[in-house]
Structure formats: structure tokens, C-alpha cells
Amino acid sequence: MSIIVENGESVERINALLHESGEYVIGRMGIPYRKRGISIISVALDAPQNTIAALSGKIGSLPGVSVKTAYSGVTAYE
């Protein structure tokens, strides 16, 4: 999941949502791009597709936040 944050006020809620889904998070990396006033967050998840889609929808509905999600071809979730 790639997250672009243009509104810094949304960061706290993003962190809370990611924390709530912590059991699925493999890793995450945040990059503040100060020159442009945005933050870029990359999150690797191991979760059912509907769980990832729900999280993506919640994060993407926050003000000033854009989300794109890519899925691997691996279909079995354990």
C-alpha cells in the first residue's frame, strides 16, 4: 500500500488505523518530503484482500490522503 499525505493533520489517524491492523503489517516506511510538504508511506501487508481493501478505504477517506494498493498473485492467506 502506498500512501501520500498532503494534510499533516491526518497522520495521527493514519497511524492509529495502521496500529489497529498491526497483526497484518509486515513492515512500513515513512519518508517526509519536506521540499514538497508531503509524506510518503509504504506499507507491506499480509492479509486477506478484503481486509486490505477496507484499510485502504478508511485511510483514503481521510482529508488530504491518497492511497494506491497493489496485490501479489499469491492467493492463499495463512
PDB file of N, CA and C in Angstrom:
ATOM      1  N   MET A   1       0.846  -1.147   0.000  1.00  0.00           N
ATOM      2  CA  MET A   1       0.000   0.000   0.000  1.00  0.00           C
ATOM      3  C   MET A   1       0.906   1.228   0.000  1.00  0.00           C
ATOM      4  N   SER A   2       0.629   2.162  -0.894  1.00  0.00           N
ATOM      5  CA  SER A   2       1.359   3.428  -0.943  1.00  0.00           C
ATOM      6  C   SER A   2       0.415   4.542  -0.527  1.00  0.00           C
ATOM      7  N   ILE A   3       0.869   5.360   0.400  1.00  0.00           N
ATOM      8  CA  ILE A   3       0.035   6.430   0.941  1.00  0.00           C
ATOM      9  C   ILE A   3       0.773   7.751   0.752  1.00  0.00           C
ATOM     10  N   ILE A   4       0.094   8.714   0.162  1.00  0.00           N
ATOM     11  CA  ILE A   4       0.628  10.072   0.027  1.00  0.00           C
ATOM     12  C   ILE A   4      -0.191  10.961   0.955  1.00  0.00           C
ATOM     13  N   VAL A   5       0.498  11.651   1.845  1.00  0.00           N
ATOM     14  CA  VAL A   5      -0.173  12.508   2.821  1.00  0.00           C
ATOM     15  C   VAL A   5       0.150  13.965   2.522  1.00  0.00           C
ATOM     16  N   GLU A   6      -0.873  14.710   2.137  1.00  0.00           N
ATOM     17  CA  GLU A   6      -0.717  16.139   1.868  1.00  0.00           C
ATOM     18  C   GLU A   6      -1.225  16.979   3.031  1.00  0.00           C
ATOM     19  N   ASN A   7      -1.987  16.369   3.926  1.00  0.00           N
ATOM     20  CA  ASN A   7      -2.538  17.061   5.088  1.00  0.00           C
ATOM     21  C   ASN A   7      -1.962  16.411   6.343  1.00  0.00           C
ATOM     22  N   GLY A   8      -1.008  17.089   6.968  1.00  0.00           N
ATOM     23  CA  GLY A   8      -0.344  16.554   8.152  1.00  0.00           C
ATOM     24  C   GLY A   8      -1.278  16.244   9.299  1.00  0.00           C
ATOM     25  N   GLU A   9      -2.450  16.864   9.329  1.00  0.00           N
ATOM     26  CA  GLU A   9      -3.409  16.600  10.403  1.00  0.00           C
ATOM     27  C   GLU A   9      -3.983  15.181  10.321  1.00  0.00           C
ATOM     28  N   SER A  10      -3.828  14.517   9.189  1.00  0.00           N
ATOM     29  CA  SER A  10      -4.350  13.161   9.021  1.00  0.00           C
ATOM     30  C   SER A  10      -3.367  12.089   9.487  1.00  0.00           C
ATOM     31  N   VAL A  11      -2.128  12.463   9.767  1.00  0.00           N
ATOM     32  CA  VAL A  11      -1.101  11.477  10.111  1.00  0.00           C
ATOM     33  C   VAL A  11      -1.444  10.698  11.369  1.00  0.00           C
ATOM     34  N   GLU A  12      -1.950  11.355  12.381  1.00  0.00           N
ATOM     35  CA  GLU A  12      -2.292  10.665  13.630  1.00  0.00           C
ATOM     36  C   GLU A  12      -3.332   9.579  13.390  1.00  0.00           C
ATOM     37  N   ARG A  13      -4.334   9.875  12.588  1.00  0.00           N
ATOM     38  CA  ARG A  13      -5.386   8.883  12.305  1.00  0.00           C
ATOM     39  C   ARG A  13      -4.836   7.737  11.446  1.00  0.00           C
ATOM     40  N   ILE A  14      -3.959   8.050  10.495  1.00  0.00           N
ATOM     41  CA  ILE A  14      -3.335   7.001   9.685  1.00  0.00           C
ATOM     42  C   ILE A  14      -2.571   6.040  10.593  1.00  0.00           C
ATOM     43  N   ASN A  15      -1.775   6.594  11.488  1.00  0.00           N
ATOM     44  CA  ASN A  15      -1.013   5.762  12.415  1.00  0.00           C
ATOM     45  C   ASN A  15      -1.926   4.898  13.280  1.00  0.00           C
ATOM     46  N   ALA A  16      -3.041   5.455  13.718  1.00  0.00           N
ATOM     47  CA  ALA A  16      -3.985   4.691  14.532  1.00  0.00           C
ATOM     48  C   ALA A  16      -4.581   3.537  13.727  1.00  0.00           C
ATOM     49  N   LEU A  17      -4.949   3.790  12.478  1.00  0.00           N
ATOM     50  CA  LEU A  17      -5.517   2.738  11.631  1.00  0.00           C
ATOM     51  C   LEU A  17      -4.491   1.637  11.350  1.00  0.00           C
ATOM     52  N   LEU A  18      -3.252   2.025  11.099  1.00  0.00           N
ATOM     53  CA  LEU A  18      -2.209   1.032  10.867  1.00  0.00           C
ATOM     54  C   LEU A  18      -1.930   0.232  12.135  1.00  0.00           C
ATOM     55  N   HIS A  19      -1.982   0.892  13.269  1.00  0.00           N
ATOM     56  CA  HIS A  19      -1.786   0.192  14.543  1.00  0.00           C
ATOM     57  C   HIS A  19      -2.897  -0.837  14.776  1.00  0.00           C
ATOM     58  N   GLU A  20      -4.135  -0.449  14.464  1.00  0.00           N
ATOM     59  CA  GLU A  20      -5.267  -1.366  14.615  1.00  0.00           C
ATOM     60  C   GLU A  20      -5.111  -2.601  13.728  1.00  0.00           C
ATOM     61  N   SER A  21      -4.422  -2.452  12.607  1.00  0.00           N
ATOM     62  CA  SER A  21      -4.207  -3.565  11.671  1.00  0.00           C
ATOM     63  C   SER A  21      -2.808  -4.150  11.830  1.00  0.00           C
ATOM     64  N   GLY A  22      -2.189  -3.898  12.950  1.00  0.00           N
ATOM     65  CA  GLY A  22      -0.807  -4.290  13.184  1.00  0.00           C
ATOM     66  C   GLY A  22      -0.510  -5.762  12.975  1.00  0.00           C
ATOM     67  N   GLU A  23      -1.486  -6.625  13.213  1.00  0.00           N
ATOM     68  CA  GLU A  23      -1.252  -8.057  13.041  1.00  0.00           C
ATOM     69  C   GLU A  23      -0.976  -8.424  11.591  1.00  0.00           C
ATOM     70  N   TYR A  24      -1.370  -7.561  10.652  1.00  0.00           N
ATOM     71  CA  TYR A  24      -1.177  -7.818   9.228  1.00  0.00           C
ATOM     72  C   TYR A  24       0.021  -7.080   8.641  1.00  0.00           C
ATOM     73  N   VAL A  25       0.563  -6.120   9.356  1.00  0.00           N
ATOM     74  CA  VAL A  25       1.637  -5.287   8.830  1.00  0.00           C
ATOM     75  C   VAL A  25       2.965  -6.041   8.906  1.00  0.00           C
ATOM     76  N   ILE A  26       3.584  -6.228   7.746  1.00  0.00           N
ATOM     77  CA  ILE A  26       4.903  -6.849   7.675  1.00  0.00           C
ATOM     78  C   ILE A  26       5.963  -5.787   7.975  1.00  0.00           C
ATOM     79  N   GLY A  27       5.777  -4.619   7.399  1.00  0.00           N
ATOM     80  CA  GLY A  27       6.707  -3.519   7.599  1.00  0.00           C
ATOM     81  C   GLY A  27       6.163  -2.248   6.990  1.00  0.00           C
ATOM     82  N   ARG A  28       6.737  -1.139   7.421  1.00  0.00           N
ATOM     83  CA  ARG A  28       6.311   0.147   6.857  1.00  0.00           C
ATOM     84  C   ARG A  28       7.493   1.087   6.840  1.00  0.00           C
ATOM     85  N   MET A  29       7.434   2.027   5.916  1.00  0.00           N
ATOM     86  CA  MET A  29       8.485   3.017   5.791  1.00  0.00           C
ATOM     87  C   MET A  29       7.834   4.358   5.493  1.00  0.00           C
ATOM     88  N   GLY A  30       8.202   5.358   6.259  1.00  0.00           N
ATOM     89  CA  GLY A  30       7.687   6.700   6.033  1.00  0.00           C
ATOM     90  C   GLY A  30       8.804   7.623   5.595  1.00  0.00           C
ATOM     91  N   ILE A  31       8.517   8.412   4.568  1.00  0.00           N
ATOM     92  CA  ILE A  31       9.503   9.349   4.038  1.00  0.00           C
ATOM     93  C   ILE A  31       8.887  10.737   4.022  1.00  0.00           C
ATOM     94  N   PRO A  32       9.374  11.638   4.870  1.00  0.00           N
ATOM     95  CA  PRO A  32       8.895  13.018   4.796  1.00  0.00           C
ATOM     96  C   PRO A  32       9.587  13.733   3.631  1.00  0.00           C
ATOM     97  N   TYR A  33       8.810  14.288   2.740  1.00  0.00           N
ATOM     98  CA  TYR A  33       9.363  15.033   1.603  1.00  0.00           C
ATOM     99  C   TYR A  33       9.114  16.506   1.877  1.00  0.00           C
ATOM    100  N   ARG A  34       9.975  17.069   2.691  1.00  0.00           N
ATOM    101  CA  ARG A  34       9.792  18.435   3.188  1.00  0.00           C
ATOM    102  C   ARG A  34       9.738  19.477   2.085  1.00  0.00           C
ATOM    103  N   LYS A  35      10.516  19.267   1.038  1.00  0.00           N
ATOM    104  CA  LYS A  35      10.546  20.225  -0.067  1.00  0.00           C
ATOM    105  C   LYS A  35       9.151  20.433  -0.660  1.00  0.00           C
ATOM    106  N   ARG A  36       8.353  19.370  -0.690  1.00  0.00           N
ATOM    107  CA  ARG A  36       7.001  19.449  -1.266  1.00  0.00           C
ATOM    108  C   ARG A  36       5.912  19.499  -0.210  1.00  0.00           C
ATOM    109  N   GLY A  37       6.302  19.356   1.053  1.00  0.00           N
ATOM    110  CA  GLY A  37       5.320  19.422   2.135  1.00  0.00           C
ATOM    111  C   GLY A  37       4.395  18.213   2.208  1.00  0.00           C
ATOM    112  N   ILE A  38       4.904  17.065   1.787  1.00  0.00           N
ATOM    113  CA  ILE A  38       4.106  15.844   1.836  1.00  0.00           C
ATOM    114  C   ILE A  38       4.894  14.749   2.548  1.00  0.00           C
ATOM    115  N   SER A  39       4.196  13.669   2.874  1.00  0.00           N
ATOM    116  CA  SER A  39       4.837  12.468   3.401  1.00  0.00           C
ATOM    117  C   SER A  39       4.416  11.297   2.531  1.00  0.00           C
ATOM    118  N   ILE A  40       5.340  10.371   2.366  1.00  0.00           N
ATOM    119  CA  ILE A  40       5.091   9.172   1.579  1.00  0.00           C
ATOM    120  C   ILE A  40       5.255   7.984   2.522  1.00  0.00           C
ATOM    121  N   ILE A  41       4.237   7.150   2.594  1.00  0.00           N
ATOM    122  CA  ILE A  41       4.285   5.988   3.473  1.00  0.00           C
ATOM    123  C   ILE A  41       4.066   4.744   2.621  1.00  0.00           C
ATOM    124  N   SER A  42       4.953   3.780   2.777  1.00  0.00           N
ATOM    125  CA  SER A  42       4.832   2.499   2.095  1.00  0.00           C
ATOM    126  C   SER A  42       4.597   1.434   3.156  1.00  0.00           C
ATOM    127  N   VAL A  43       3.567   0.608   2.949  1.00  0.00           N
ATOM    128  CA  VAL A  43       3.212  -0.408   3.928  1.00  0.00           C
ATOM    129  C   VAL A  43       3.094  -1.760   3.223  1.00  0.00           C
ATOM    130  N   ALA A  44       3.793  -2.758   3.747  1.00  0.00           N
ATOM    131  CA  ALA A  44       3.668  -4.127   3.245  1.00  0.00           C
ATOM    132  C   ALA A  44       2.752  -4.891   4.200  1.00  0.00           C
ATOM    133  N   LEU A  45       1.732  -5.547   3.641  1.00  0.00           N
ATOM    134  CA  LEU A  45       0.737  -6.261   4.437  1.00  0.00           C
ATOM    135  C   LEU A  45       0.621  -7.707   3.988  1.00  0.00           C
ATOM    136  N   ASP A  46       0.316  -8.570   4.929  1.00  0.00           N
ATOM    137  CA  ASP A  46      -0.040  -9.955   4.631  1.00  0.00           C
ATOM    138  C   ASP A  46      -1.408 -10.173   5.257  1.00  0.00           C
ATOM    139  N   ALA A  47      -2.446 -10.024   4.436  1.00  0.00           N
ATOM    140  CA  ALA A  47      -3.821 -10.057   4.930  1.00  0.00           C
ATOM    141  C   ALA A  47      -4.748 -10.463   3.792  1.00  0.00           C
ATOM    142  N   PRO A  48      -5.955 -10.897   4.136  1.00  0.00           N
ATOM    143  CA  PRO A  48      -6.951 -11.155   3.094  1.00  0.00           C
ATOM    144  C   PRO A  48      -7.225  -9.881   2.293  1.00  0.00           C
ATOM    145  N   GLN A  49      -7.538 -10.056   1.023  1.00  0.00           N
ATOM    146  CA  GLN A  49      -7.743  -8.904   0.138  1.00  0.00           C
ATOM    147  C   GLN A  49      -8.830  -7.971   0.664  1.00  0.00           C
ATOM    148  N   ASN A  50      -9.906  -8.513   1.224  1.00  0.00           N
ATOM    149  CA  ASN A  50     -10.980  -7.640   1.723  1.00  0.00           C
ATOM    150  C   ASN A  50     -10.520  -6.819   2.934  1.00  0.00           C
ATOM    151  N   THR A  51      -9.611  -7.358   3.732  1.00  0.00           N
ATOM    152  CA  THR A  51      -9.070  -6.626   4.876  1.00  0.00           C
ATOM    153  C   THR A  51      -8.206  -5.468   4.394  1.00  0.00           C
ATOM    154  N   ILE A  52      -7.367  -5.744   3.391  1.00  0.00           N
ATOM    155  CA  ILE A  52      -6.512  -4.692   2.820  1.00  0.00           C
ATOM    156  C   ILE A  52      -7.371  -3.616   2.168  1.00  0.00           C
ATOM    157  N   ALA A  53      -8.391  -4.028   1.427  1.00  0.00           N
ATOM    158  CA  ALA A  53      -9.270  -3.063   0.764  1.00  0.00           C
ATOM    159  C   ALA A  53      -9.994  -2.182   1.776  1.00  0.00           C
ATOM    160  N   ALA A  54     -10.442  -2.772   2.877  1.00  0.00           N
ATOM    161  CA  ALA A  54     -11.141  -1.993   3.910  1.00  0.00           C
ATOM    162  C   ALA A  54     -10.194  -0.979   4.540  1.00  0.00           C
ATOM    163  N   LEU A  55      -8.974  -1.403   4.852  1.00  0.00           N
ATOM    164  CA  LEU A  55      -7.996  -0.481   5.430  1.00  0.00           C
ATOM    165  C   LEU A  55      -7.655   0.630   4.450  1.00  0.00           C
ATOM    166  N   SER A  56      -7.455   0.278   3.204  1.00  0.00           N
ATOM    167  CA  SER A  56      -7.160   1.265   2.168  1.00  0.00           C
ATOM    168  C   SER A  56      -8.287   2.284   2.044  1.00  0.00           C
ATOM    169  N   GLY A  57      -9.517   1.817   2.092  1.00  0.00           N
ATOM    170  CA  GLY A  57     -10.672   2.714   2.012  1.00  0.00           C
ATOM    171  C   GLY A  57     -10.744   3.674   3.183  1.00  0.00           C
ATOM    172  N   LYS A  58     -10.489   3.168   4.384  1.00  0.00           N
ATOM    173  CA  LYS A  58     -10.513   4.038   5.574  1.00  0.00           C
ATOM    174  C   LYS A  58      -9.435   5.097   5.500  1.00  0.00           C
ATOM    175  N   ILE A  59      -8.223   4.681   5.113  1.00  0.00           N
ATOM    176  CA  ILE A  59      -7.122   5.642   5.030  1.00  0.00           C
ATOM    177  C   ILE A  59      -7.361   6.632   3.900  1.00  0.00           C
ATOM    178  N   GLY A  60      -7.828   6.137   2.757  1.00  0.00           N
ATOM    179  CA  GLY A  60      -8.068   7.004   1.607  1.00  0.00           C
ATOM    180  C   GLY A  60      -9.189   8.006   1.803  1.00  0.00           C
ATOM    181  N   SER A  61     -10.064   7.768   2.775  1.00  0.00           N
ATOM    182  CA  SER A  61     -11.169   8.706   3.017  1.00  0.00           C
ATOM    183  C   SER A  61     -10.743   9.887   3.900  1.00  0.00           C
ATOM    184  N   LEU A  62      -9.534   9.830   4.433  1.00  0.00           N
ATOM    185  CA  LEU A  62      -9.067  10.932   5.279  1.00  0.00           C
ATOM    186  C   LEU A  62      -8.722  12.148   4.425  1.00  0.00           C
ATOM    187  N   PRO A  63      -8.900  13.346   4.974  1.00  0.00           N
ATOM    188  CA  PRO A  63      -8.622  14.567   4.211  1.00  0.00           C
ATOM    189  C   PRO A  63      -7.145  14.672   3.817  1.00  0.00           C
ATOM    190  N   GLY A  64      -6.908  14.953   2.529  1.00  0.00           N
ATOM    191  CA  GLY A  64      -5.547  15.170   2.052  1.00  0.00           C
ATOM    192  C   GLY A  64      -4.710  13.917   1.965  1.00  0.00           C
ATOM    193  N   VAL A  65      -5.360  12.756   1.818  1.00  0.00           N
ATOM    194  CA  VAL A  65      -4.639  11.483   1.763  1.00  0.00           C
ATOM    195  C   VAL A  65      -5.047  10.715   0.503  1.00  0.00           C
ATOM    196  N   SER A  66      -4.047  10.198  -0.209  1.00  0.00           N
ATOM    197  CA  SER A  66      -4.286   9.349  -1.381  1.00  0.00           C
ATOM    198  C   SER A  66      -3.656   7.993  -1.128  1.00  0.00           C
ATOM    199  N   VAL A  67      -4.330   6.930  -1.569  1.00  0.00           N
ATOM    200  CA  VAL A  67      -3.839   5.565  -1.354  1.00  0.00           C
ATOM    201  C   VAL A  67      -3.933   4.779  -2.653  1.00  0.00           C
ATOM    202  N   LYS A  68      -2.906   4.005  -2.911  1.00  0.00           N
ATOM    203  CA  LYS A  68      -2.919   3.039  -4.017  1.00  0.00           C
ATOM    204  C   LYS A  68      -2.461   1.706  -3.446  1.00  0.00           C
ATOM    205  N   THR A  69      -3.108   0.647  -3.869  1.00  0.00           N
ATOM    206  CA  THR A  69      -2.789  -0.680  -3.361  1.00  0.00           C
ATOM    207  C   THR A  69      -2.495  -1.610  -4.519  1.00  0.00           C
ATOM    208  N   ALA A  70      -1.451  -2.403  -4.373  1.00  0.00           N
ATOM    209  CA  ALA A  70      -1.106  -3.426  -5.350  1.00  0.00           C
ATOM    210  C   ALA A  70      -1.133  -4.768  -4.632  1.00  0.00           C
ATOM    211  N   TYR A  71      -1.649  -5.769  -5.322  1.00  0.00           N
ATOM    212  CA  TYR A  71      -1.770  -7.100  -4.740  1.00  0.00           C
ATOM    213  C   TYR A  71      -0.854  -8.064  -5.492  1.00  0.00           C
ATOM    214  N   SER A  72      -0.279  -9.016  -4.760  1.00  0.00           N
ATOM    215  CA  SER A  72       0.524 -10.042  -5.411  1.00  0.00           C
ATOM    216  C   SER A  72      -0.408 -11.118  -5.953  1.00  0.00           C
ATOM    217  N   GLY A  73       0.151 -12.018  -6.717  1.00  0.00           N
ATOM    218  CA  GLY A  73      -0.621 -13.129  -7.262  1.00  0.00           C
ATOM    219  C   GLY A  73      -0.843 -14.252  -6.257  1.00  0.00           C
ATOM    220  N   VAL A  74      -0.232 -14.146  -5.090  1.00  0.00           N
ATOM    221  CA  VAL A  74      -0.397 -15.170  -4.073  1.00  0.00           C
ATOM    222  C   VAL A  74      -1.807 -15.074  -3.508  1.00  0.00           C
ATOM    223  N   THR A  75      -2.556 -16.174  -3.561  1.00  0.00           N
ATOM    224  CA  THR A  75      -3.962 -16.110  -3.159  1.00  0.00           C
ATOM    225  C   THR A  75      -4.236 -16.678  -1.785  1.00  0.00           C
ATOM    226  N   ALA A  76      -3.408 -17.572  -1.306  1.00  0.00           N
ATOM    227  CA  ALA A  76      -3.663 -18.189  -0.001  1.00  0.00           C
ATOM    228  C   ALA A  76      -3.174 -17.302   1.114  1.00  0.00           C
ATOM    229  N   TYR A  77      -4.025 -17.065   2.081  1.00  0.00           N
ATOM    230  CA  TYR A  77      -3.655 -16.297   3.267  1.00  0.00           C
ATOM    231  C   TYR A  77      -3.647 -17.265   4.438  1.00  0.00           C
ATOM    232  N   GLU A  78      -2.556 -17.271   5.188  1.00  0.00           N
ATOM    233  CA  GLU A  78      -2.462 -18.147   6.366  1.00  0.00           C
ATOM    234  C   GLU A  78      -2.160 -17.319   7.579  1.00  0.00           C
TER     235      GLU A  78
END
